[in-house]
Amino acid sequence: MTQRKLHIGLSLAPTWLSGDGWRQDNSNIEGVFSADFAIDLARRAEAVHLDFVFRPDVSCLTTEIMETAPGFASLDPTVLLAAVAQATSRIGLVSTVSTTFYPPYVVARQLQSLHWVSNGRAGWNIVTALQGHENFGLAQMPGAEERYQRAGEFTELVQALWRSFPHEALKIDRAAGRYADTAQIRPISHEGEHFKVKGPLNVPAFPAARIPFVQAGASESGRDFAASVADLVFAPTPDKEAALELRRDLSQRAERHGRSPADIRLLPGLSLYLAATREEARTLFMQTHARLDRGRKFASIKEMTGLDLSDWPQDRPVTRDDLPPPLAKTSSRTHTNLLRRLIERESLTVNELLLRPEVISAAHWQVVGTVDDAVEQIAEWAEAGAMDGFIAAPGGSVESVHLFLDEVVPKLVKAGLFRERYSGSTFIEHLTEY
C-alpha cells in the first residue's frame, strides 16, 4: 500500500439529508439554516485533521424538488464560513463564488476578508455556474467558452486586486506617526474584455499565506482553466478510469501553461453511504432514494442525450445502440459525456440506470458499503495514482457522516494515507506539507 498522504475535504452541503434522508428523526433538518449546523460539522472535521470543509453553492432555487426534499436552498457560503471561522482554528474554509454573476471587486474583498477573519484559512471554489442567469439580469446563460474566458480575466483581476494593497505597505509606526507606505498601494487600472476596475482594494493582503483556488469544471474549457490556475480540482469521476484519464489530461495541460503537474491536486467527489454491513448500507441507499422522481430523471436524461426512456420496457437494457447522436447543446457537457459514457460501457435496465451516480447525483465516485469497503476503495484509488485525495459527501443518514469521520479517517491514518495531526495553521500549509 502506498504511503503517500491524501488531502481530504468534507462537503458542508448536507448531502445526507437528500432524498428521504431528512425524514429521519435525528436529521436535524430544522437547523440546516443555522450557523450551528455547519459549525458542528467543521469542528468534527477539524478534530480528525481534515484539510478543509467546502460549501458548494448555486445562485437560484429549483422549487420543484422542494415538495419532497430540501433541494439546494442554503445560506451564503462566505457569510456562513465567516461564522465557522470563529468556532475553528486550523481547518481550511472553501467558499464558492461565481465569476459569471458577481463583481470582481466585491469577490476580492469578501474572500480576503474571510482570509483575515480565519487567520489564513480561506479558499475559493471558482465556478462559472450553469444556471441562475435570470437572477442577474442576463437574458441567457453564456456559453462555456465565454464563461471561462470571463473566469480567466476575473481570476487575474481578483489576484491583481489582492496585490494592489500588499501587507508590506502597513508600517504602523506609532513613533513616526506613519500608518502605511502609500507608494506600495497602487491602483490596478484594469480595462479588459469583460471588466473595468480601477482599484486598489480596500483590504490589505493577509501576510504569508495565499488563498488556494479550487476549480470544478471538467469540460474542455473547464479543464484548461483549471490547469492554468487551480490548486485543487474537484471533479465528477464516477470510476477510477475516469479519474486516471482526467489526471493525465490535467497534467498535460498544466505543462502547457508552464506549471508543474504536481501543482494541481485532483480531488474527486466521494459519495458515501456507510453502515455496519453491506446489506444495511444498501438498504440505507434504497430508502434514501425510495421516492425518486422518475419523470424528472427521464426529462434530465432526454435533455442530455435525446434518449426518451419514459415508456421504456422495464426488462429491456439500455445500450449504446439506443443512443441518438450527441446533441449540439446541453446544460452540462461534462455530465452529458459521463452519462453517455456509462450507457456505452454498460447495458443497464431503466431501474438500474436511475440509481447510478451519473443519473441520481452529480456523477461522483460512490461507495455503498461498510467502513472497510470505503477504506479499501480509497486505498485502491490512491495506489493507482487516480487522485490526490477526495471531497467526502456522506449520504443517507447522520450516522454515515459520523462513520466517515470517526472510523474511515482514523483507518486511513493507520494505513499511512492521511496525517495524524496538523503541521500548519493555514489552508495553503495543509496543501503543501506533502
Protein backbone atom coordinates (compact mmCIF):
# COMPACT_ATOMS: atom_id res chain seq x y z
CA MET A 1 0.00 0.00 0.00
CA THR A 2 1.27 3.47 -0.88
CA GLN A 3 2.33 5.73 1.97
CA ARG A 4 1.54 8.88 0.04
CA LYS A 5 -0.65 11.15 2.14
CA LEU A 6 -4.03 12.26 0.81
CA HIS A 7 -5.75 15.63 1.00
CA ILE A 8 -9.31 15.28 2.30
CA GLY A 9 -12.16 17.77 2.44
CA LEU A 10 -15.73 17.47 3.69
CA SER A 11 -18.70 18.98 1.90
CA LEU A 12 -20.85 21.16 4.15
CA ALA A 13 -23.77 20.72 1.77
CA PRO A 14 -25.92 18.28 3.77
CA THR A 15 -25.98 15.51 1.18
CA TRP A 16 -27.09 13.05 3.85
CA LEU A 17 -30.39 14.94 4.01
CA SER A 18 -31.05 14.46 0.28
CA GLY A 19 -33.86 12.22 -0.92
CA ASP A 20 -35.61 10.93 2.16
CA GLY A 21 -32.58 11.26 4.44
CA TRP A 22 -34.06 14.40 6.03
CA ARG A 23 -37.05 12.42 7.31
CA GLN A 24 -35.00 10.50 9.89
CA ASP A 25 -35.65 11.54 13.49
CA ASN A 26 -32.05 12.64 14.13
CA SER A 27 -31.52 14.52 10.84
CA ASN A 28 -31.73 17.98 12.49
CA ILE A 29 -33.27 19.28 9.29
CA GLU A 30 -34.79 22.12 11.32
CA GLY A 31 -31.32 23.51 12.00
CA VAL A 32 -29.97 23.43 8.45
CA PHE A 33 -30.15 27.23 8.07
CA SER A 34 -28.27 27.93 11.29
CA ALA A 35 -24.55 28.50 11.65
CA ASP A 36 -24.50 25.84 14.38
CA PHE A 37 -25.28 23.13 11.83
CA ALA A 38 -22.12 23.89 9.81
CA ILE A 39 -20.03 24.66 12.90
CA ASP A 40 -20.71 21.21 14.36
CA LEU A 41 -19.57 19.52 11.14
CA ALA A 42 -16.50 21.72 10.79
CA ARG A 43 -15.44 21.05 14.37
CA ARG A 44 -15.81 17.30 13.86
CA ALA A 45 -13.80 17.54 10.62
CA GLU A 46 -11.09 19.61 12.33
CA ALA A 47 -10.88 17.07 15.17
CA VAL A 48 -9.70 14.45 12.65
CA HIS A 49 -7.42 16.97 10.88
CA LEU A 50 -9.15 17.23 7.52
CA ASP A 51 -7.61 19.74 5.10
CA PHE A 52 -10.80 21.75 4.64
CA VAL A 53 -14.56 21.99 4.68
CA PHE A 54 -16.24 23.06 1.47
CA ARG A 55 -19.57 24.79 0.86
CA PRO A 56 -20.93 24.33 -2.69
CA ASP A 57 -23.41 26.91 -3.91
CA VAL A 58 -25.85 27.79 -6.67
CA SER A 59 -27.44 31.16 -7.42
CA CYS A 60 -31.00 30.02 -7.99
CA LEU A 61 -33.65 27.83 -6.44
CA THR A 62 -35.28 24.86 -8.16
CA THR A 63 -38.58 24.76 -6.32
CA GLU A 64 -39.99 21.63 -7.96
CA ILE A 65 -37.94 19.21 -5.86
CA MET A 66 -38.65 21.01 -2.59
CA GLU A 67 -42.08 19.45 -2.23
CA THR A 68 -40.39 16.25 -1.04
CA ALA A 69 -36.70 17.12 -0.41
CA PRO A 70 -34.60 20.06 0.86
CA GLY A 71 -33.16 20.90 -2.54
CA PHE A 72 -30.35 23.44 -2.87
CA ALA A 73 -31.57 26.26 -0.64
CA SER A 74 -28.65 27.44 1.50
CA LEU A 75 -27.06 30.31 3.35
CA ASP A 76 -24.49 32.42 1.52
CA PRO A 77 -21.30 30.33 1.73
CA THR A 78 -18.85 33.14 2.51
CA VAL A 79 -21.04 34.54 5.28
CA LEU A 80 -21.55 31.04 6.69
CA LEU A 81 -17.82 30.26 6.65
CA ALA A 82 -17.07 33.52 8.45
CA ALA A 83 -19.19 32.16 11.30
CA VAL A 84 -17.44 28.78 11.09
CA ALA A 85 -14.07 30.57 11.25
CA GLN A 86 -14.86 31.86 14.73
CA ALA A 87 -15.54 28.35 16.04
CA THR A 88 -12.50 26.61 14.48
CA SER A 89 -8.77 27.31 14.33
CA ARG A 90 -6.97 25.10 11.80
CA ILE A 91 -9.26 23.67 9.13
CA GLY A 92 -9.44 25.28 5.66
CA LEU A 93 -12.66 27.07 4.67
CA VAL A 94 -13.53 26.88 0.97
CA SER A 95 -16.27 29.20 -0.28
CA THR A 96 -17.95 29.00 -3.67
CA VAL A 97 -18.29 32.20 -5.70
CA SER A 98 -19.34 32.51 -9.34
CA THR A 99 -17.30 34.51 -11.84
CA THR A 100 -20.34 34.89 -14.10
CA PHE A 101 -22.61 36.84 -11.77
CA TYR A 102 -20.59 38.85 -9.22
CA PRO A 103 -18.32 41.91 -9.50
CA PRO A 104 -14.61 41.05 -9.10
CA TYR A 105 -14.01 43.84 -6.58
CA VAL A 106 -16.71 42.51 -4.26
CA VAL A 107 -15.39 38.95 -4.54
CA ALA A 108 -11.79 40.01 -3.92
CA ARG A 109 -12.88 41.90 -0.81
CA GLN A 110 -15.13 39.14 0.54
CA LEU A 111 -12.54 36.39 0.18
CA GLN A 112 -9.68 38.48 1.57
CA SER A 113 -11.96 39.40 4.49
CA LEU A 114 -12.68 35.72 5.13
CA HIS A 115 -8.92 35.08 4.98
CA TRP A 116 -8.32 37.69 7.69
CA VAL A 117 -11.25 36.55 9.83
CA SER A 118 -9.99 32.94 9.70
CA ASN A 119 -6.27 33.77 10.08
CA GLY A 120 -5.29 32.48 6.66
CA ARG A 121 -7.71 29.62 6.11
CA ALA A 122 -9.85 30.83 3.19
CA GLY A 123 -10.10 29.05 -0.14
CA TRP A 124 -12.01 29.96 -3.29
CA ASN A 125 -14.02 27.43 -5.26
CA ILE A 126 -14.16 29.19 -8.63
CA VAL A 127 -17.32 28.34 -10.58
CA THR A 128 -18.76 29.80 -13.75
CA ALA A 129 -22.27 28.46 -12.92
CA LEU A 130 -24.69 26.59 -15.17
CA GLN A 131 -27.93 28.31 -14.20
CA GLY A 132 -29.35 31.32 -12.42
CA HIS A 133 -28.73 33.95 -15.10
CA GLU A 134 -32.31 35.24 -14.76
CA ASN A 135 -31.46 36.45 -11.25
CA PHE A 136 -28.65 38.69 -12.51
CA GLY A 137 -30.21 40.46 -15.45
CA LEU A 138 -28.91 38.11 -18.16
CA ALA A 139 -31.22 37.11 -20.99
CA GLN A 140 -29.48 33.76 -21.36
CA MET A 141 -26.61 31.79 -19.90
CA PRO A 142 -23.34 32.49 -21.73
CA GLY A 143 -21.76 29.51 -23.49
CA ALA A 144 -18.93 27.56 -21.86
CA GLU A 145 -16.15 29.22 -23.84
CA GLU A 146 -17.36 32.71 -22.98
CA ARG A 147 -17.88 31.82 -19.32
CA TYR A 148 -14.33 30.52 -18.98
CA GLN A 149 -12.83 33.46 -20.85
CA ARG A 150 -14.61 35.70 -18.37
CA ALA A 151 -13.45 33.47 -15.49
CA GLY A 152 -9.83 33.78 -16.62
CA GLU A 153 -9.95 37.57 -16.67
CA PHE A 154 -11.96 37.62 -13.42
CA THR A 155 -9.43 35.46 -11.57
CA GLU A 156 -6.45 37.50 -12.78
CA LEU A 157 -8.28 40.65 -11.74
CA VAL A 158 -9.01 39.35 -8.24
CA GLN A 159 -5.36 38.41 -7.79
CA ALA A 160 -4.28 41.84 -9.03
CA LEU A 161 -6.62 43.47 -6.51
CA TRP A 162 -5.11 41.38 -3.72
CA ARG A 163 -1.65 42.55 -4.79
CA SER A 164 -2.77 46.17 -5.02
CA PHE A 165 -2.69 46.57 -1.24
CA PRO A 166 0.22 44.40 -0.06
CA HIS A 167 0.58 43.66 3.61
CA GLU A 168 4.08 45.16 3.50
CA ALA A 169 2.52 48.56 2.90
CA LEU A 170 1.30 48.60 6.50
CA LYS A 171 4.03 50.27 8.57
CA ILE A 172 2.04 51.13 11.74
CA ASP A 173 4.89 53.22 13.07
CA ARG A 174 3.42 54.93 16.11
CA ALA A 175 6.56 56.89 16.94
CA ALA A 176 6.84 58.38 13.46
CA GLY A 177 3.11 58.70 13.01
CA ARG A 178 3.25 56.70 9.79
CA TYR A 179 0.48 54.17 9.27
CA ALA A 180 1.20 52.98 5.70
CA ASP A 181 3.59 53.40 2.80
CA THR A 182 1.09 54.64 0.25
CA ALA A 183 3.60 54.25 -2.57
CA GLN A 184 3.04 50.49 -2.29
CA ILE A 185 -0.77 50.79 -2.51
CA ARG A 186 -1.47 51.23 -6.18
CA PRO A 187 -4.50 51.22 -8.49
CA ILE A 188 -4.59 48.35 -10.97
CA SER A 189 -6.43 50.38 -13.64
CA HIS A 190 -7.70 47.25 -15.34
CA GLU A 191 -9.55 47.56 -18.64
CA GLY A 192 -10.26 44.17 -20.20
CA GLU A 193 -12.78 42.49 -22.44
CA HIS A 194 -15.26 41.90 -19.63
CA PHE A 195 -14.26 44.19 -16.74
CA LYS A 196 -13.09 47.70 -15.95
CA VAL A 197 -11.81 48.19 -12.39
CA LYS A 198 -9.57 50.91 -11.03
CA GLY A 199 -8.62 49.64 -7.55
CA PRO A 200 -6.79 49.41 -5.25
CA LEU A 201 -8.62 47.02 -2.95
CA ASN A 202 -9.64 48.46 0.41
CA VAL A 203 -8.48 45.39 2.36
CA PRO A 204 -4.76 44.61 2.77
CA ALA A 205 -3.48 41.19 1.80
CA PHE A 206 -3.17 38.69 4.64
CA PRO A 207 0.55 38.10 5.34
CA ALA A 208 2.42 34.99 4.17
CA ALA A 209 -0.45 32.61 3.37
CA ARG A 210 -2.12 32.94 -0.02
CA ILE A 211 -5.69 31.86 -0.79
CA PRO A 212 -5.75 28.49 -2.62
CA PHE A 213 -8.00 28.03 -5.65
CA VAL A 214 -10.41 25.13 -6.18
CA GLN A 215 -12.00 24.55 -9.57
CA ALA A 216 -14.75 22.11 -10.51
CA GLY A 217 -15.03 22.33 -14.29
CA ALA A 218 -14.40 19.08 -16.17
CA SER A 219 -15.37 20.23 -19.68
CA GLU A 220 -12.68 21.08 -22.21
CA SER A 221 -12.81 24.75 -21.30
CA GLY A 222 -13.06 23.91 -17.60
CA ARG A 223 -10.07 21.58 -17.66
CA ASP A 224 -7.90 24.12 -19.40
CA PHE A 225 -8.90 26.84 -16.96
CA ALA A 226 -8.26 24.52 -14.01
CA ALA A 227 -4.83 23.62 -15.36
CA SER A 228 -3.94 27.31 -15.53
CA VAL A 229 -4.96 28.41 -12.01
CA ALA A 230 -6.22 25.64 -9.70
CA ASP A 231 -4.52 24.20 -6.64
CA LEU A 232 -7.30 21.63 -6.29
CA VAL A 233 -9.62 20.21 -8.93
CA PHE A 234 -12.96 18.92 -7.66
CA ALA A 235 -14.35 16.76 -10.43
CA PRO A 236 -17.06 14.18 -11.16
CA THR A 237 -15.20 10.91 -11.72
CA PRO A 238 -17.64 8.02 -11.20
CA ASP A 239 -14.94 5.37 -11.64
CA LYS A 240 -11.18 5.01 -11.34
CA GLU A 241 -10.60 5.02 -15.10
CA ALA A 242 -12.36 8.38 -15.44
CA ALA A 243 -10.16 9.79 -12.67
CA LEU A 244 -6.97 8.47 -14.27
CA GLU A 245 -7.93 9.98 -17.62
CA LEU A 246 -8.66 13.35 -16.04
CA ARG A 247 -5.42 13.21 -14.05
CA ARG A 248 -3.36 12.57 -17.21
CA ASP A 249 -5.15 15.32 -19.12
CA LEU A 250 -4.74 17.90 -16.35
CA SER A 251 -1.01 17.10 -16.10
CA GLN A 252 -0.51 17.68 -19.82
CA ARG A 253 -2.50 20.91 -19.77
CA ALA A 254 -0.58 22.13 -16.69
CA GLU A 255 2.72 21.73 -18.53
CA ARG A 256 1.35 23.69 -21.49
CA HIS A 257 0.54 26.51 -19.07
CA GLY A 258 4.07 26.41 -17.67
CA ARG A 259 3.04 24.73 -14.43
CA SER A 260 4.20 21.51 -12.82
CA PRO A 261 1.58 18.71 -12.78
CA ALA A 262 2.31 18.43 -9.05
CA ASP A 263 0.87 21.92 -8.61
CA ILE A 264 -2.62 20.56 -9.33
CA ARG A 265 -4.20 18.11 -6.90
CA LEU A 266 -7.15 16.07 -8.16
CA LEU A 267 -9.84 15.53 -5.51
CA PRO A 268 -12.87 13.63 -6.83
CA GLY A 269 -16.16 13.89 -5.01
CA LEU A 270 -16.83 10.73 -2.96
CA SER A 271 -20.44 9.91 -2.13
CA LEU A 272 -20.54 7.58 0.90
CA TYR A 273 -23.49 5.51 2.10
CA LEU A 274 -22.00 3.78 5.13
CA ALA A 275 -23.43 1.28 7.61
CA ALA A 276 -22.33 -1.66 9.77
CA THR A 277 -22.96 -4.18 6.98
CA ARG A 278 -23.21 -4.02 3.21
CA GLU A 279 -26.83 -5.10 3.39
CA GLU A 280 -27.66 -2.26 5.78
CA ALA A 281 -25.80 0.22 3.57
CA ARG A 282 -27.72 -0.94 0.50
CA THR A 283 -30.98 -0.65 2.43
CA LEU A 284 -30.00 2.87 3.51
CA PHE A 285 -29.24 3.80 -0.10
CA MET A 286 -32.54 2.39 -1.40
CA GLN A 287 -34.57 4.01 1.40
CA THR A 288 -32.94 7.37 0.70
CA HIS A 289 -34.00 7.22 -2.95
CA ALA A 290 -37.32 5.44 -2.48
CA ARG A 291 -39.31 8.42 -3.78
CA LEU A 292 -37.09 9.12 -6.77
CA ASP A 293 -38.86 11.46 -9.20
CA ARG A 294 -38.70 9.23 -12.27
CA GLY A 295 -40.37 11.78 -14.52
CA ARG A 296 -37.81 14.45 -13.65
CA LYS A 297 -34.93 12.00 -14.15
CA PHE A 298 -36.32 10.89 -17.51
CA ALA A 299 -36.57 14.53 -18.56
CA SER A 300 -32.97 15.12 -17.50
CA ILE A 301 -31.72 12.08 -19.42
CA LYS A 302 -33.61 13.22 -22.51
CA GLU A 303 -32.26 16.76 -22.19
CA MET A 304 -28.69 15.44 -22.01
CA THR A 305 -28.79 12.60 -24.54
CA GLY A 306 -32.00 12.90 -26.56
CA LEU A 307 -33.00 9.43 -25.32
CA ASP A 308 -36.63 9.13 -24.18
CA LEU A 309 -36.99 6.41 -21.52
CA SER A 310 -40.46 7.34 -20.27
CA ASP A 311 -42.11 4.29 -21.88
CA TRP A 312 -39.06 2.01 -21.94
CA PRO A 313 -39.76 -1.67 -21.11
CA GLN A 314 -38.54 -2.44 -17.59
CA ASP A 315 -36.69 -5.60 -18.62
CA ARG A 316 -35.01 -4.20 -21.73
CA PRO A 317 -31.42 -2.93 -21.19
CA VAL A 318 -30.42 0.49 -22.49
CA THR A 319 -27.39 0.03 -24.75
CA ARG A 320 -25.04 2.17 -26.80
CA ASP A 321 -27.05 1.33 -29.91
CA ASP A 322 -30.04 3.11 -28.37
CA LEU A 323 -28.22 6.41 -28.02
CA PRO A 324 -29.12 9.15 -30.51
CA PRO A 325 -26.24 11.20 -31.98
CA PRO A 326 -24.77 13.69 -29.46
CA LEU A 327 -26.86 16.83 -29.07
CA ALA A 328 -25.39 20.13 -30.21
CA LYS A 329 -26.16 21.82 -26.90
CA THR A 330 -26.85 20.64 -23.34
CA SER A 331 -26.83 22.38 -19.96
CA SER A 332 -23.72 20.46 -18.86
CA ARG A 333 -21.43 18.90 -21.44
CA THR A 334 -19.39 17.19 -18.69
CA HIS A 335 -22.41 15.47 -17.14
CA THR A 336 -23.76 14.58 -20.57
CA ASN A 337 -20.49 12.94 -21.61
CA LEU A 338 -20.33 10.91 -18.39
CA LEU A 339 -23.91 9.69 -18.86
CA ARG A 340 -23.28 8.71 -22.48
CA ARG A 341 -20.06 7.00 -21.40
CA LEU A 342 -22.00 4.93 -18.84
CA ILE A 343 -24.59 3.80 -21.37
CA GLU A 344 -21.88 2.99 -23.92
CA ARG A 345 -19.90 0.90 -21.41
CA GLU A 346 -22.71 -0.94 -19.61
CA SER A 347 -26.09 -2.39 -20.54
CA LEU A 348 -28.44 -1.42 -17.71
CA THR A 349 -32.18 -1.64 -17.23
CA VAL A 350 -34.03 1.60 -16.57
CA ASN A 351 -34.28 0.87 -12.85
CA GLU A 352 -30.54 0.18 -12.66
CA LEU A 353 -29.69 3.27 -14.68
CA LEU A 354 -31.78 5.55 -12.47
CA LEU A 355 -29.73 4.58 -9.41
CA ARG A 356 -26.30 5.22 -10.92
CA PRO A 357 -24.41 8.36 -9.83
CA GLU A 358 -24.39 9.72 -13.39
CA VAL A 359 -28.20 10.00 -13.08
CA ILE A 360 -29.03 10.16 -9.40
CA SER A 361 -26.49 12.82 -8.43
CA ALA A 362 -23.54 14.78 -9.80
CA ALA A 363 -21.74 11.71 -11.23
CA HIS A 364 -19.37 11.38 -8.28
CA TRP A 365 -17.49 8.29 -7.16
CA GLN A 366 -19.86 6.30 -4.96
CA VAL A 367 -19.34 3.73 -2.19
CA VAL A 368 -22.33 1.92 -0.72
CA GLY A 369 -20.98 -0.38 1.98
CA THR A 370 -19.04 -0.63 5.22
CA VAL A 371 -16.22 1.46 6.65
CA ASP A 372 -13.75 -1.18 5.46
CA ASP A 373 -15.24 -1.11 1.96
CA ALA A 374 -14.67 2.65 1.82
CA VAL A 375 -11.10 2.40 3.12
CA GLU A 376 -10.31 -0.37 0.63
CA GLN A 377 -11.58 1.62 -2.34
CA ILE A 378 -9.81 4.80 -1.24
CA ALA A 379 -6.55 2.90 -0.84
CA GLU A 380 -7.02 1.29 -4.25
CA TRP A 381 -7.54 4.64 -5.99
CA ALA A 382 -4.56 6.13 -4.15
CA GLU A 383 -2.33 3.18 -5.08
CA ALA A 384 -3.32 3.57 -8.73
CA GLY A 385 -2.45 7.28 -8.66
CA ALA A 386 -6.01 8.16 -9.68
CA MET A 387 -6.32 11.04 -7.22
CA ASP A 388 -4.53 13.14 -4.62
CA GLY A 389 -7.40 12.90 -2.16
CA PHE A 390 -11.15 13.45 -2.23
CA ILE A 391 -14.02 15.58 -1.02
CA ALA A 392 -16.37 13.47 1.08
CA ALA A 393 -20.12 13.87 0.64
CA PRO A 394 -21.73 11.34 3.00
CA GLY A 395 -25.27 10.29 2.12
CA GLY A 396 -28.35 8.70 3.62
CA SER A 397 -28.02 9.49 7.30
CA VAL A 398 -26.20 11.40 10.02
CA GLU A 399 -24.67 8.06 11.02
CA SER A 400 -22.99 7.90 7.62
CA VAL A 401 -21.27 11.23 8.33
CA HIS A 402 -20.10 10.06 11.74
CA LEU A 403 -18.84 6.73 10.41
CA PHE A 404 -16.75 8.57 7.86
CA LEU A 405 -15.21 10.98 10.37
CA ASP A 406 -14.95 8.63 13.36
CA GLU A 407 -13.92 5.41 11.62
CA VAL A 408 -12.90 5.84 7.97
CA VAL A 409 -10.47 8.70 8.58
CA PRO A 410 -8.70 7.02 11.55
CA LYS A 411 -8.26 3.88 9.46
CA LEU A 412 -6.70 5.96 6.69
CA VAL A 413 -4.33 7.45 9.26
CA LYS A 414 -3.40 3.96 10.47
CA ALA A 415 -2.77 2.88 6.87
CA GLY A 416 -0.37 5.78 6.40
CA LEU A 417 -2.67 7.51 3.93
CA PHE A 418 -3.57 10.57 5.99
CA ARG A 419 -1.99 12.91 8.54
CA GLU A 420 -2.06 12.19 12.26
CA ARG A 421 -2.10 15.89 13.15
CA TYR A 422 -1.83 19.32 11.58
CA SER A 423 1.66 20.68 10.99
CA GLY A 424 0.45 24.15 9.96
CA SER A 425 -2.35 26.55 10.76
CA THR A 426 -3.29 27.88 7.30
CA PHE A 427 -5.06 26.22 4.41
CA ILE A 428 -2.14 26.53 1.99
CA GLU A 429 0.15 24.92 4.58
CA HIS A 430 -2.14 21.86 4.70
CA LEU A 431 -1.90 21.55 0.91
CA THR A 432 1.88 21.98 0.68
CA GLU A 433 3.07 19.97 3.68
CA TYR A 434 3.38 16.92 1.38
